[in-house]
Amino acid sequence: MADKKTIAVVGATGQQGGGLAHAVLADRGSEFGVRAVTRNPGSDKAKALAALGAEVVQADVDDEASVAKALDGAYGAFLVTNFWEHMSPQREYEQARNLARAAKSAGVKHAIWSTLEDTRLSVPLEDDRMPTLMGEYKVPHFDVKGEANALFTEAGVPTTFLQTTFYWDGFLGSFGPQRQEDGSLVLAMAMGDSRLAGIASEDIGRTAYGIFKRGGGFAGETVSIAGEHLTGREIAAAFTDALGEPVHYHAVPFDGLRAAGFPAAEEIGNMFQYYAEFQDEFTGRRDLARVRELNPELKSFRTWLAANKEALGTRGTAE
């Protein structure tokens, strides 16, 4: 990698960072090399990246000094945090601060910060359409990332703010169609008739690679991405074709989802209410044609379903 510009990829063994790392490593003519930044360089995923040609280094986003060391000498850095590991907005904010300070001290020429909208700009805390959580958020994992954007600007790091969205990968788990007692398959979503902006997680990384390839001209810009904007009925129809049996869409009330009782149910309920009630501005910011310019391999939902048919197959047979 001596003759290539290094992109340090925080979370390289995760979904977003992994998409970027694999996109760069698969591009044999790339001007970039990959430095995979991970807490566990001995993991199978880290070893697989090393086998493909990545430099693998250890760092922990809770430790600014370790991140600065991992970013040292890198041209670019892809920076991401994982709220769901700890579900603490305060901790995620401190992690973002560590990333911003580390990128500045390392002299990174172009950072991409994986972020989301601050929903409080659309739904102020005093707006009682949805409950305020933890005393200061509407959708904590959105709001804290949006709030943390300023940390990169204040630190003077040339940063592209990559606003992501719902991962279709969630449909492989609890968000996917569920078998009912009568044997039918139901896709239950709190989206009403609104369109959900969704994306394959690997396409987040691939789009980030497209931004790095365009050079520093994207520094200071916000790029909002998605793979497709679909209603619940359209998603259910795609599942019907993929699974070979009917999948019925059921629109869950927002309050019903908030009261479901699983961890973070209130937050997830607020998130889907934000997606649904602010669909025009949320999907409007995500110009799919522009995303395809940056990532010509951008998957449609049906293409993603076809690629994940094996993982979906167990949902197509009665228990």
C-alpha atoms as a PDB file:
ATOM      1  CA  MET A   1       0.000   0.000   0.000  1.00  0.00           C
ATOM      2  CA  ALA A   2       3.048   2.264  -0.027  1.00  0.00           C
ATOM      3  CA  ASP A   3       2.053   3.914  -3.311  1.00  0.00           C
ATOM      4  CA  LYS A   4      -1.616   4.291  -2.384  1.00  0.00           C
ATOM      5  CA  LYS A   5      -3.504   6.814  -0.314  1.00  0.00           C
ATOM      6  CA  THR A   6      -4.752   5.162   2.851  1.00  0.00           C
ATOM      7  CA  ILE A   7      -8.381   5.244   3.938  1.00  0.00           C
ATOM      8  CA  ALA A   8      -8.690   4.321   7.592  1.00  0.00           C
ATOM      9  CA  VAL A   9     -12.017   2.577   8.068  1.00  0.00           C
ATOM     10  CA  VAL A  10     -13.367   2.655  11.612  1.00  0.00           C
ATOM     11  CA  GLY A  11     -15.693  -0.302  12.140  1.00  0.00           C
ATOM     12  CA  ALA A  12     -14.218  -2.138   9.153  1.00  0.00           C
ATOM     13  CA  THR A  13     -15.603  -5.462  10.388  1.00  0.00           C
ATOM     14  CA  GLY A  14     -19.113  -4.004  10.709  1.00  0.00           C
ATOM     15  CA  GLN A  15     -21.816  -3.483   8.109  1.00  0.00           C
ATOM     16  CA  GLN A  16     -21.094   0.050   6.901  1.00  0.00           C
ATOM     17  CA  GLY A  17     -17.309  -0.016   7.256  1.00  0.00           C
ATOM     18  CA  GLY A  18     -17.189  -3.511   5.840  1.00  0.00           C
ATOM     19  CA  GLY A  19     -19.018  -2.342   2.719  1.00  0.00           C
ATOM     20  CA  LEU A  20     -16.419   0.379   2.190  1.00  0.00           C
ATOM     21  CA  ALA A  21     -13.416  -1.847   2.936  1.00  0.00           C
ATOM     22  CA  HIS A  22     -14.578  -4.558   0.558  1.00  0.00           C
ATOM     23  CA  ALA A  23     -15.416  -2.030  -2.181  1.00  0.00           C
ATOM     24  CA  VAL A  24     -11.904  -0.570  -2.069  1.00  0.00           C
ATOM     25  CA  LEU A  25     -10.173  -3.951  -1.831  1.00  0.00           C
ATOM     26  CA  ALA A  26     -12.187  -5.318  -4.759  1.00  0.00           C
ATOM     27  CA  ASP A  27     -11.126  -2.390  -6.947  1.00  0.00           C
ATOM     28  CA  ARG A  28      -7.674  -3.533  -8.021  1.00  0.00           C
ATOM     29  CA  GLY A  29      -6.948  -0.296  -9.815  1.00  0.00           C
ATOM     30  CA  SER A  30      -7.885   1.866  -6.854  1.00  0.00           C
ATOM     31  CA  GLU A  31      -5.691   4.771  -5.824  1.00  0.00           C
ATOM     32  CA  PHE A  32      -6.625   3.897  -2.235  1.00  0.00           C
ATOM     33  CA  GLY A  33      -5.568   1.270   0.244  1.00  0.00           C
ATOM     34  CA  VAL A  34      -7.514   0.150   3.321  1.00  0.00           C
ATOM     35  CA  ARG A  35      -6.483   0.408   6.936  1.00  0.00           C
ATOM     36  CA  ALA A  36      -9.077  -1.597   8.827  1.00  0.00           C
ATOM     37  CA  VAL A  37      -9.575  -0.117  12.292  1.00  0.00           C
ATOM     38  CA  THR A  38     -11.144  -2.574  14.734  1.00  0.00           C
ATOM     39  CA  ARG A  39     -11.248  -3.336  18.423  1.00  0.00           C
ATOM     40  CA  ASN A  40     -10.389  -6.956  17.727  1.00  0.00           C
ATOM     41  CA  PRO A  41      -7.730  -7.502  15.047  1.00  0.00           C
ATOM     42  CA  GLY A  42      -7.832 -11.230  15.798  1.00  0.00           C
ATOM     43  CA  SER A  43     -11.459 -11.682  14.740  1.00  0.00           C
ATOM     44  CA  ASP A  44     -12.315 -13.801  11.709  1.00  0.00           C
ATOM     45  CA  LYS A  45     -13.617 -10.750   9.832  1.00  0.00           C
ATOM     46  CA  ALA A  46     -10.422  -8.813  10.534  1.00  0.00           C
ATOM     47  CA  LYS A  47      -8.300 -11.736   9.374  1.00  0.00           C
ATOM     48  CA  ALA A  48     -10.387 -11.999   6.198  1.00  0.00           C
ATOM     49  CA  LEU A  49      -9.767  -8.312   5.442  1.00  0.00           C
ATOM     50  CA  ALA A  50      -6.034  -8.794   6.021  1.00  0.00           C
ATOM     51  CA  ALA A  51      -6.071 -11.720   3.602  1.00  0.00           C
ATOM     52  CA  LEU A  52      -7.600  -9.424   0.969  1.00  0.00           C
ATOM     53  CA  GLY A  53      -4.804  -6.889   1.423  1.00  0.00           C
ATOM     54  CA  ALA A  54      -5.982  -4.581   4.188  1.00  0.00           C
ATOM     55  CA  GLU A  55      -3.706  -3.288   6.912  1.00  0.00           C
ATOM     56  CA  VAL A  56      -5.418  -4.157  10.201  1.00  0.00           C
ATOM     57  CA  VAL A  57      -4.889  -2.010  13.303  1.00  0.00           C
ATOM     58  CA  GLN A  58      -6.429  -1.958  16.764  1.00  0.00           C
ATOM     59  CA  ALA A  59      -8.345   0.995  18.224  1.00  0.00           C
ATOM     60  CA  ASP A  60     -11.351   1.637  20.441  1.00  0.00           C
ATOM     61  CA  VAL A  61     -13.637   4.603  19.786  1.00  0.00           C
ATOM     62  CA  ASP A  62     -13.892   5.145  23.548  1.00  0.00           C
ATOM     63  CA  ASP A  63     -10.131   5.853  23.554  1.00  0.00           C
ATOM     64  CA  GLU A  64      -9.185   8.974  21.584  1.00  0.00           C
ATOM     65  CA  ALA A  65      -5.452   8.263  21.710  1.00  0.00           C
ATOM     66  CA  SER A  66      -5.868   4.796  20.189  1.00  0.00           C
ATOM     67  CA  VAL A  67      -7.984   6.222  17.352  1.00  0.00           C
ATOM     68  CA  ALA A  68      -5.493   9.021  16.667  1.00  0.00           C
ATOM     69  CA  LYS A  69      -2.717   6.442  16.429  1.00  0.00           C
ATOM     70  CA  ALA A  70      -4.812   4.314  14.059  1.00  0.00           C
ATOM     71  CA  LEU A  71      -5.545   7.310  11.809  1.00  0.00           C
ATOM     72  CA  ASP A  72      -1.985   8.603  11.750  1.00  0.00           C
ATOM     73  CA  GLY A  73      -0.729   9.069   8.205  1.00  0.00           C
ATOM     74  CA  ALA A  74      -4.084   8.252   6.591  1.00  0.00           C
ATOM     75  CA  TYR A  75      -5.374  10.417   3.761  1.00  0.00           C
ATOM     76  CA  GLY A  76      -9.022   9.682   4.527  1.00  0.00           C
ATOM     77  CA  ALA A  77     -11.107   8.220   7.322  1.00  0.00           C
ATOM     78  CA  PHE A  78     -14.551   6.663   7.455  1.00  0.00           C
ATOM     79  CA  LEU A  79     -15.963   7.316  10.917  1.00  0.00           C
ATOM     80  CA  VAL A  80     -18.934   5.512  12.433  1.00  0.00           C
ATOM     81  CA  THR A  81     -20.320   4.713  15.867  1.00  0.00           C
ATOM     82  CA  ASN A  82     -22.679   1.948  17.003  1.00  0.00           C
ATOM     83  CA  PHE A  83     -25.384   3.272  19.308  1.00  0.00           C
ATOM     84  CA  TRP A  84     -26.963  -0.159  19.701  1.00  0.00           C
ATOM     85  CA  GLU A  85     -23.919  -1.584  21.481  1.00  0.00           C
ATOM     86  CA  HIS A  86     -24.680   0.512  24.570  1.00  0.00           C
ATOM     87  CA  MET A  87     -27.802   2.606  23.789  1.00  0.00           C
ATOM     88  CA  SER A  88     -26.314   5.662  25.521  1.00  0.00           C
ATOM     89  CA  PRO A  89     -26.561   8.971  23.614  1.00  0.00           C
ATOM     90  CA  GLN A  90     -24.022  10.532  25.954  1.00  0.00           C
ATOM     91  CA  ARG A  91     -21.482   7.787  25.266  1.00  0.00           C
ATOM     92  CA  GLU A  92     -22.075   8.012  21.512  1.00  0.00           C
ATOM     93  CA  TYR A  93     -21.532  11.780  21.620  1.00  0.00           C
ATOM     94  CA  GLU A  94     -18.228  11.288  23.437  1.00  0.00           C
ATOM     95  CA  GLN A  95     -17.220   8.656  20.883  1.00  0.00           C
ATOM     96  CA  ALA A  96     -17.960  11.125  18.083  1.00  0.00           C
ATOM     97  CA  ARG A  97     -15.884  13.737  19.905  1.00  0.00           C
ATOM     98  CA  ASN A  98     -13.022  11.243  20.129  1.00  0.00           C
ATOM     99  CA  LEU A  99     -13.272  10.547  16.396  1.00  0.00           C
ATOM    100  CA  ALA A 100     -13.317  14.251  15.498  1.00  0.00           C
ATOM    101  CA  ARG A 101     -10.350  15.104  17.701  1.00  0.00           C
ATOM    102  CA  ALA A 102      -8.401  12.066  16.520  1.00  0.00           C
ATOM    103  CA  ALA A 103      -9.015  12.913  12.852  1.00  0.00           C
ATOM    104  CA  LYS A 104      -7.830  16.468  13.467  1.00  0.00           C
ATOM    105  CA  SER A 105      -4.685  15.459  15.331  1.00  0.00           C
ATOM    106  CA  ALA A 106      -3.857  12.834  12.702  1.00  0.00           C
ATOM    107  CA  GLY A 107      -4.157  15.398   9.915  1.00  0.00           C
ATOM    108  CA  VAL A 108      -6.818  13.493   7.956  1.00  0.00           C
ATOM    109  CA  LYS A 109      -7.453  15.256   4.637  1.00  0.00           C
ATOM    110  CA  HIS A 110     -11.008  13.973   4.112  1.00  0.00           C
ATOM    111  CA  ALA A 111     -13.287  12.344   6.682  1.00  0.00           C
ATOM    112  CA  ILE A 112     -16.708  10.845   6.108  1.00  0.00           C
ATOM    113  CA  TRP A 113     -18.888  10.839   9.237  1.00  0.00           C
ATOM    114  CA  SER A 114     -21.817   8.397   9.106  1.00  0.00           C
ATOM    115  CA  THR A 115     -24.688  10.360  10.599  1.00  0.00           C
ATOM    116  CA  LEU A 116     -28.462  10.879  10.694  1.00  0.00           C
ATOM    117  CA  GLU A 117     -30.891  13.767  10.944  1.00  0.00           C
ATOM    118  CA  ASP A 118     -31.539  15.453  14.274  1.00  0.00           C
ATOM    119  CA  THR A 119     -35.286  14.817  14.429  1.00  0.00           C
ATOM    120  CA  ARG A 120     -35.744  17.643  16.939  1.00  0.00           C
ATOM    121  CA  LEU A 121     -35.404  20.086  14.050  1.00  0.00           C
ATOM    122  CA  SER A 122     -38.715  18.690  12.761  1.00  0.00           C
ATOM    123  CA  VAL A 123     -40.303  17.615  16.052  1.00  0.00           C
ATOM    124  CA  PRO A 124     -39.286  20.001  18.864  1.00  0.00           C
ATOM    125  CA  LEU A 125     -39.183  18.551  22.373  1.00  0.00           C
ATOM    126  CA  GLU A 126     -42.381  20.412  23.296  1.00  0.00           C
ATOM    127  CA  ASP A 127     -44.227  18.783  20.352  1.00  0.00           C
ATOM    128  CA  ASP A 128     -46.395  16.098  21.960  1.00  0.00           C
ATOM    129  CA  ARG A 129     -47.010  14.117  18.772  1.00  0.00           C
ATOM    130  CA  MET A 130     -44.377  11.721  20.072  1.00  0.00           C
ATOM    131  CA  PRO A 131     -42.944  11.346  23.574  1.00  0.00           C
ATOM    132  CA  THR A 132     -39.685  12.995  24.564  1.00  0.00           C
ATOM    133  CA  LEU A 133     -37.163  10.335  25.602  1.00  0.00           C
ATOM    134  CA  MET A 134     -34.393  10.613  28.210  1.00  0.00           C
ATOM    135  CA  GLY A 135     -35.520  14.187  28.783  1.00  0.00           C
ATOM    136  CA  GLU A 136     -33.831  15.618  25.673  1.00  0.00           C
ATOM    137  CA  TYR A 137     -34.410  13.484  22.571  1.00  0.00           C
ATOM    138  CA  LYS A 138     -37.170  12.342  20.250  1.00  0.00           C
ATOM    139  CA  VAL A 139     -35.160   9.621  18.443  1.00  0.00           C
ATOM    140  CA  PRO A 140     -31.943   9.387  20.478  1.00  0.00           C
ATOM    141  CA  HIS A 141     -29.791   7.494  17.971  1.00  0.00           C
ATOM    142  CA  PHE A 142     -30.742   9.987  15.246  1.00  0.00           C
ATOM    143  CA  ASP A 143     -30.573  13.127  17.331  1.00  0.00           C
ATOM    144  CA  VAL A 144     -27.183  12.525  18.936  1.00  0.00           C
ATOM    145  CA  LYS A 145     -25.526  11.801  15.583  1.00  0.00           C
ATOM    146  CA  GLY A 146     -27.004  14.958  14.076  1.00  0.00           C
ATOM    147  CA  GLU A 147     -25.919  16.951  17.123  1.00  0.00           C
ATOM    148  CA  ALA A 148     -22.402  15.493  16.843  1.00  0.00           C
ATOM    149  CA  ASN A 149     -21.967  16.862  13.303  1.00  0.00           C
ATOM    150  CA  ALA A 150     -20.855  20.155  14.825  1.00  0.00           C
ATOM    151  CA  LEU A 151     -17.940  18.430  16.571  1.00  0.00           C
ATOM    152  CA  PHE A 152     -16.256  17.749  13.220  1.00  0.00           C
ATOM    153  CA  THR A 153     -16.837  21.272  11.963  1.00  0.00           C
ATOM    154  CA  GLU A 154     -15.571  22.801  15.213  1.00  0.00           C
ATOM    155  CA  ALA A 155     -12.480  20.573  15.130  1.00  0.00           C
ATOM    156  CA  GLY A 156     -11.672  21.814  11.624  1.00  0.00           C
ATOM    157  CA  VAL A 157     -11.811  18.364  10.046  1.00  0.00           C
ATOM    158  CA  PRO A 158     -12.703  18.389   6.292  1.00  0.00           C
ATOM    159  CA  THR A 159     -15.797  16.219   6.613  1.00  0.00           C
ATOM    160  CA  THR A 160     -18.562  14.868   4.408  1.00  0.00           C
ATOM    161  CA  PHE A 161     -21.690  14.210   6.464  1.00  0.00           C
ATOM    162  CA  LEU A 162     -23.191  10.973   5.125  1.00  0.00           C
ATOM    163  CA  GLN A 163     -26.826  10.776   6.257  1.00  0.00           C
ATOM    164  CA  THR A 164     -27.890   7.143   6.203  1.00  0.00           C
ATOM    165  CA  THR A 165     -31.279   5.498   6.758  1.00  0.00           C
ATOM    166  CA  PHE A 166     -33.060   2.217   7.588  1.00  0.00           C
ATOM    167  CA  TYR A 167     -31.027  -0.881   6.696  1.00  0.00           C
ATOM    168  CA  TRP A 168     -32.925  -3.506   4.729  1.00  0.00           C
ATOM    169  CA  ASP A 169     -30.734  -5.973   6.624  1.00  0.00           C
ATOM    170  CA  GLY A 170     -33.172  -5.469   9.507  1.00  0.00           C
ATOM    171  CA  PHE A 171     -35.715  -7.484   7.516  1.00  0.00           C
ATOM    172  CA  LEU A 172     -33.537 -10.553   8.078  1.00  0.00           C
ATOM    173  CA  GLY A 173     -34.423 -10.303  11.774  1.00  0.00           C
ATOM    174  CA  SER A 174     -37.300  -8.993  13.835  1.00  0.00           C
ATOM    175  CA  PHE A 175     -38.491  -6.446  11.245  1.00  0.00           C
ATOM    176  CA  GLY A 176     -39.138  -9.119   8.616  1.00  0.00           C
ATOM    177  CA  PRO A 177     -42.365 -11.004   7.780  1.00  0.00           C
ATOM    178  CA  GLN A 178     -43.600 -13.135  10.671  1.00  0.00           C
ATOM    179  CA  ARG A 179     -45.482 -16.424  10.478  1.00  0.00           C
ATOM    180  CA  GLN A 180     -48.905 -16.186  12.109  1.00  0.00           C
ATOM    181  CA  GLU A 181     -50.835 -18.926  13.907  1.00  0.00           C
ATOM    182  CA  ASP A 182     -53.004 -19.446  10.831  1.00  0.00           C
ATOM    183  CA  GLY A 183     -49.870 -20.035   8.722  1.00  0.00           C
ATOM    184  CA  SER A 184     -49.969 -16.705   6.892  1.00  0.00           C
ATOM    185  CA  LEU A 185     -47.013 -14.324   6.638  1.00  0.00           C
ATOM    186  CA  VAL A 186     -47.480 -10.745   7.829  1.00  0.00           C
ATOM    187  CA  LEU A 187     -45.146  -7.777   7.452  1.00  0.00           C
ATOM    188  CA  ALA A 188     -46.030  -5.494  10.366  1.00  0.00           C
ATOM    189  CA  MET A 189     -44.609  -1.983  10.098  1.00  0.00           C
ATOM    190  CA  ALA A 190     -45.497   1.353  11.677  1.00  0.00           C
ATOM    191  CA  MET A 191     -45.391   3.243   8.381  1.00  0.00           C
ATOM    192  CA  GLY A 192     -49.058   3.695   7.455  1.00  0.00           C
ATOM    193  CA  ASP A 193     -49.159   4.427   3.724  1.00  0.00           C
ATOM    194  CA  SER A 194     -45.898   6.380   3.769  1.00  0.00           C
ATOM    195  CA  ARG A 195     -42.713   5.523   1.907  1.00  0.00           C
ATOM    196  CA  LEU A 196     -39.710   4.207   3.807  1.00  0.00           C
ATOM    197  CA  ALA A 197     -36.246   5.183   2.594  1.00  0.00           C
ATOM    198  CA  GLY A 198     -34.219   1.983   2.864  1.00  0.00           C
ATOM    199  CA  ILE A 199     -30.785   0.792   1.812  1.00  0.00           C
ATOM    200  CA  ALA A 200     -28.562  -2.285   1.853  1.00  0.00           C
ATOM    201  CA  SER A 201     -25.986  -1.641   4.589  1.00  0.00           C
ATOM    202  CA  GLU A 202     -23.123  -2.528   2.242  1.00  0.00           C
ATOM    203  CA  ASP A 203     -24.280   0.246  -0.116  1.00  0.00           C
ATOM    204  CA  ILE A 204     -23.552   2.815   2.585  1.00  0.00           C
ATOM    205  CA  GLY A 205     -19.889   1.844   2.399  1.00  0.00           C
ATOM    206  CA  ARG A 206     -19.910   1.635  -1.386  1.00  0.00           C
ATOM    207  CA  THR A 207     -21.390   5.130  -1.609  1.00  0.00           C
ATOM    208  CA  ALA A 208     -18.749   6.386   0.807  1.00  0.00           C
ATOM    209  CA  TYR A 209     -16.132   4.964  -1.553  1.00  0.00           C
ATOM    210  CA  GLY A 210     -17.711   6.913  -4.413  1.00  0.00           C
ATOM    211  CA  ILE A 211     -17.384  10.077  -2.340  1.00  0.00           C
ATOM    212  CA  PHE A 212     -13.716   9.402  -1.565  1.00  0.00           C
ATOM    213  CA  LYS A 213     -13.060   8.838  -5.278  1.00  0.00           C
ATOM    214  CA  ARG A 214     -14.533  12.265  -6.066  1.00  0.00           C
ATOM    215  CA  GLY A 215     -11.883  13.888  -3.865  1.00  0.00           C
ATOM    216  CA  GLY A 216     -12.036  16.595  -1.266  1.00  0.00           C
ATOM    217  CA  GLY A 217     -14.684  18.581  -3.126  1.00  0.00           C
ATOM    218  CA  PHE A 218     -17.313  16.851  -0.999  1.00  0.00           C
ATOM    219  CA  ALA A 219     -15.764  18.119   2.245  1.00  0.00           C
ATOM    220  CA  GLY A 220     -18.296  20.254   4.079  1.00  0.00           C
ATOM    221  CA  GLU A 221     -21.217  18.727   2.173  1.00  0.00           C
ATOM    222  CA  THR A 222     -24.104  16.645   3.492  1.00  0.00           C
ATOM    223  CA  VAL A 223     -24.938  13.657   1.305  1.00  0.00           C
ATOM    224  CA  SER A 224     -28.198  11.872   2.165  1.00  0.00           C
ATOM    225  CA  ILE A 225     -28.559   8.348   0.828  1.00  0.00           C
ATOM    226  CA  ALA A 226     -31.023   5.525   0.240  1.00  0.00           C
ATOM    227  CA  GLY A 227     -31.447   2.662  -2.185  1.00  0.00           C
ATOM    228  CA  GLU A 228     -35.179   2.994  -2.764  1.00  0.00           C
ATOM    229  CA  HIS A 229     -38.276   4.653  -1.267  1.00  0.00           C
ATOM    230  CA  LEU A 230     -41.073   2.096  -0.813  1.00  0.00           C
ATOM    231  CA  THR A 231     -44.428   1.818   0.938  1.00  0.00           C
ATOM    232  CA  GLY A 232     -45.148  -1.085   3.258  1.00  0.00           C
ATOM    233  CA  ARG A 233     -47.397  -2.626   0.633  1.00  0.00           C
ATOM    234  CA  GLU A 234     -44.649  -2.399  -1.988  1.00  0.00           C
ATOM    235  CA  ILE A 235     -42.192  -4.027   0.413  1.00  0.00           C
ATOM    236  CA  ALA A 236     -44.716  -6.798   1.169  1.00  0.00           C
ATOM    237  CA  ALA A 237     -45.267  -7.357  -2.581  1.00  0.00           C
ATOM    238  CA  ALA A 238     -41.522  -7.775  -3.099  1.00  0.00           C
ATOM    239  CA  PHE A 239     -41.420 -10.300  -0.243  1.00  0.00           C
ATOM    240  CA  THR A 240     -44.368 -12.122  -1.818  1.00  0.00           C
ATOM    241  CA  ASP A 241     -42.426 -12.585  -5.045  1.00  0.00           C
ATOM    242  CA  ALA A 242     -39.184 -13.503  -3.287  1.00  0.00           C
ATOM    243  CA  LEU A 243     -40.750 -16.077  -0.955  1.00  0.00           C
ATOM    244  CA  GLY A 244     -43.289 -17.488  -3.390  1.00  0.00           C
ATOM    245  CA  GLU A 245     -46.252 -17.029  -1.051  1.00  0.00           C
ATOM    246  CA  PRO A 246     -48.413 -14.079  -0.033  1.00  0.00           C
ATOM    247  CA  VAL A 247     -47.001 -11.616   2.469  1.00  0.00           C
ATOM    248  CA  HIS A 248     -49.620  -9.273   3.883  1.00  0.00           C
ATOM    249  CA  TYR A 249     -48.816  -5.754   5.059  1.00  0.00           C
ATOM    250  CA  HIS A 250     -50.187  -4.656   8.423  1.00  0.00           C
ATOM    251  CA  ALA A 251     -49.849  -0.999   9.403  1.00  0.00           C
ATOM    252  CA  VAL A 252     -49.037  -0.934  13.115  1.00  0.00           C
ATOM    253  CA  PRO A 253     -50.075   2.176  15.097  1.00  0.00           C
ATOM    254  CA  PHE A 254     -47.099   4.189  16.353  1.00  0.00           C
ATOM    255  CA  ASP A 255     -48.349   3.944  19.936  1.00  0.00           C
ATOM    256  CA  GLY A 256     -48.730   0.186  19.519  1.00  0.00           C
ATOM    257  CA  LEU A 257     -45.081  -0.155  18.534  1.00  0.00           C
ATOM    258  CA  ARG A 258     -43.957   2.113  21.372  1.00  0.00           C
ATOM    259  CA  ALA A 259     -45.871  -0.101  23.821  1.00  0.00           C
ATOM    260  CA  ALA A 260     -44.501  -3.385  22.435  1.00  0.00           C
ATOM    261  CA  GLY A 261     -42.200  -3.876  25.406  1.00  0.00           C
ATOM    262  CA  PHE A 262     -38.942  -4.842  23.710  1.00  0.00           C
ATOM    263  CA  PRO A 263     -35.756  -2.841  24.443  1.00  0.00           C
ATOM    264  CA  ALA A 264     -35.888   0.595  22.794  1.00  0.00           C
ATOM    265  CA  ALA A 265     -39.510   0.068  21.654  1.00  0.00           C
ATOM    266  CA  GLU A 266     -40.341   3.718  22.376  1.00  0.00           C
ATOM    267  CA  GLU A 267     -37.357   4.897  20.372  1.00  0.00           C
ATOM    268  CA  ILE A 268     -38.151   2.609  17.434  1.00  0.00           C
ATOM    269  CA  GLY A 269     -41.781   3.752  17.538  1.00  0.00           C
ATOM    270  CA  ASN A 270     -40.672   7.384  17.406  1.00  0.00           C
ATOM    271  CA  MET A 271     -38.262   6.572  14.581  1.00  0.00           C
ATOM    272  CA  PHE A 272     -40.968   5.057  12.395  1.00  0.00           C
ATOM    273  CA  GLN A 273     -43.331   7.918  13.195  1.00  0.00           C
ATOM    274  CA  TYR A 274     -40.616  10.326  12.046  1.00  0.00           C
ATOM    275  CA  TYR A 275     -40.069   8.307   8.850  1.00  0.00           C
ATOM    276  CA  ALA A 276     -43.814   8.226   8.167  1.00  0.00           C
ATOM    277  CA  GLU A 277     -44.921  11.737   9.096  1.00  0.00           C
ATOM    278  CA  PHE A 278     -41.940  13.487   7.545  1.00  0.00           C
ATOM    279  CA  GLN A 279     -41.589  11.245   4.509  1.00  0.00           C
ATOM    280  CA  ASP A 280     -41.579  14.086   1.985  1.00  0.00           C
ATOM    281  CA  GLU A 281     -38.617  15.897   3.518  1.00  0.00           C
ATOM    282  CA  PHE A 282     -36.800  12.697   4.531  1.00  0.00           C
ATOM    283  CA  THR A 283     -37.075  10.951   1.156  1.00  0.00           C
ATOM    284  CA  GLY A 284     -36.759  14.316  -0.617  1.00  0.00           C
ATOM    285  CA  ARG A 285     -33.275  14.767   0.754  1.00  0.00           C
ATOM    286  CA  ARG A 286     -32.318  11.371  -0.638  1.00  0.00           C
ATOM    287  CA  ASP A 287     -31.931  11.864  -4.377  1.00  0.00           C
ATOM    288  CA  LEU A 288     -31.586   8.305  -5.672  1.00  0.00           C
ATOM    289  CA  ALA A 289     -30.144   9.433  -9.010  1.00  0.00           C
ATOM    290  CA  ARG A 290     -27.360  11.277  -7.211  1.00  0.00           C
ATOM    291  CA  VAL A 291     -26.668   8.249  -5.001  1.00  0.00           C
ATOM    292  CA  ARG A 292     -26.389   6.060  -8.125  1.00  0.00           C
ATOM    293  CA  GLU A 293     -23.848   8.480  -9.587  1.00  0.00           C
ATOM    294  CA  LEU A 294     -21.686   7.903  -6.535  1.00  0.00           C
ATOM    295  CA  ASN A 295     -22.466   4.182  -6.344  1.00  0.00           C
ATOM    296  CA  PRO A 296     -23.409   2.662  -9.718  1.00  0.00           C
ATOM    297  CA  GLU A 297     -23.903  -0.741  -8.024  1.00  0.00           C
ATOM    298  CA  LEU A 298     -26.659   0.624  -5.748  1.00  0.00           C
ATOM    299  CA  LYS A 299     -29.110  -2.198  -5.049  1.00  0.00           C
ATOM    300  CA  SER A 300     -32.863  -1.946  -5.404  1.00  0.00           C
ATOM    301  CA  PHE A 301     -34.888  -3.677  -2.695  1.00  0.00           C
ATOM    302  CA  ARG A 302     -35.763  -6.575  -5.000  1.00  0.00           C
ATOM    303  CA  THR A 303     -32.113  -6.988  -5.989  1.00  0.00           C
ATOM    304  CA  TRP A 304     -31.177  -7.036  -2.305  1.00  0.00           C
ATOM    305  CA  LEU A 305     -33.900  -9.623  -1.609  1.00  0.00           C
ATOM    306  CA  ALA A 306     -32.610 -11.861  -4.412  1.00  0.00           C
ATOM    307  CA  ALA A 307     -29.082 -11.646  -3.020  1.00  0.00           C
ATOM    308  CA  ASN A 308     -30.353 -12.611   0.442  1.00  0.00           C
ATOM    309  CA  LYS A 309     -32.859 -15.273  -0.641  1.00  0.00           C
ATOM    310  CA  GLU A 310     -31.117 -18.006   1.320  1.00  0.00           C
ATOM    311  CA  ALA A 311     -31.313 -16.035   4.555  1.00  0.00           C
ATOM    312  CA  LEU A 312     -34.991 -15.310   3.874  1.00  0.00           C
ATOM    313  CA  GLY A 313     -35.851 -18.890   2.998  1.00  0.00           C
ATOM    314  CA  THR A 314     -36.705 -20.024   6.529  1.00  0.00           C
ATOM    315  CA  ARG A 315     -39.554 -17.523   6.587  1.00  0.00           C
ATOM    316  CA  GLY A 316     -41.160 -19.194   3.594  1.00  0.00           C
ATOM    317  CA  THR A 317     -42.025 -22.457   5.324  1.00  0.00           C
ATOM    318  CA  ALA A 318     -44.518 -23.078   8.089  1.00  0.00           C
ATOM    319  CA  GLU A 319     -43.099 -24.040  11.465  1.00  0.00           C
END
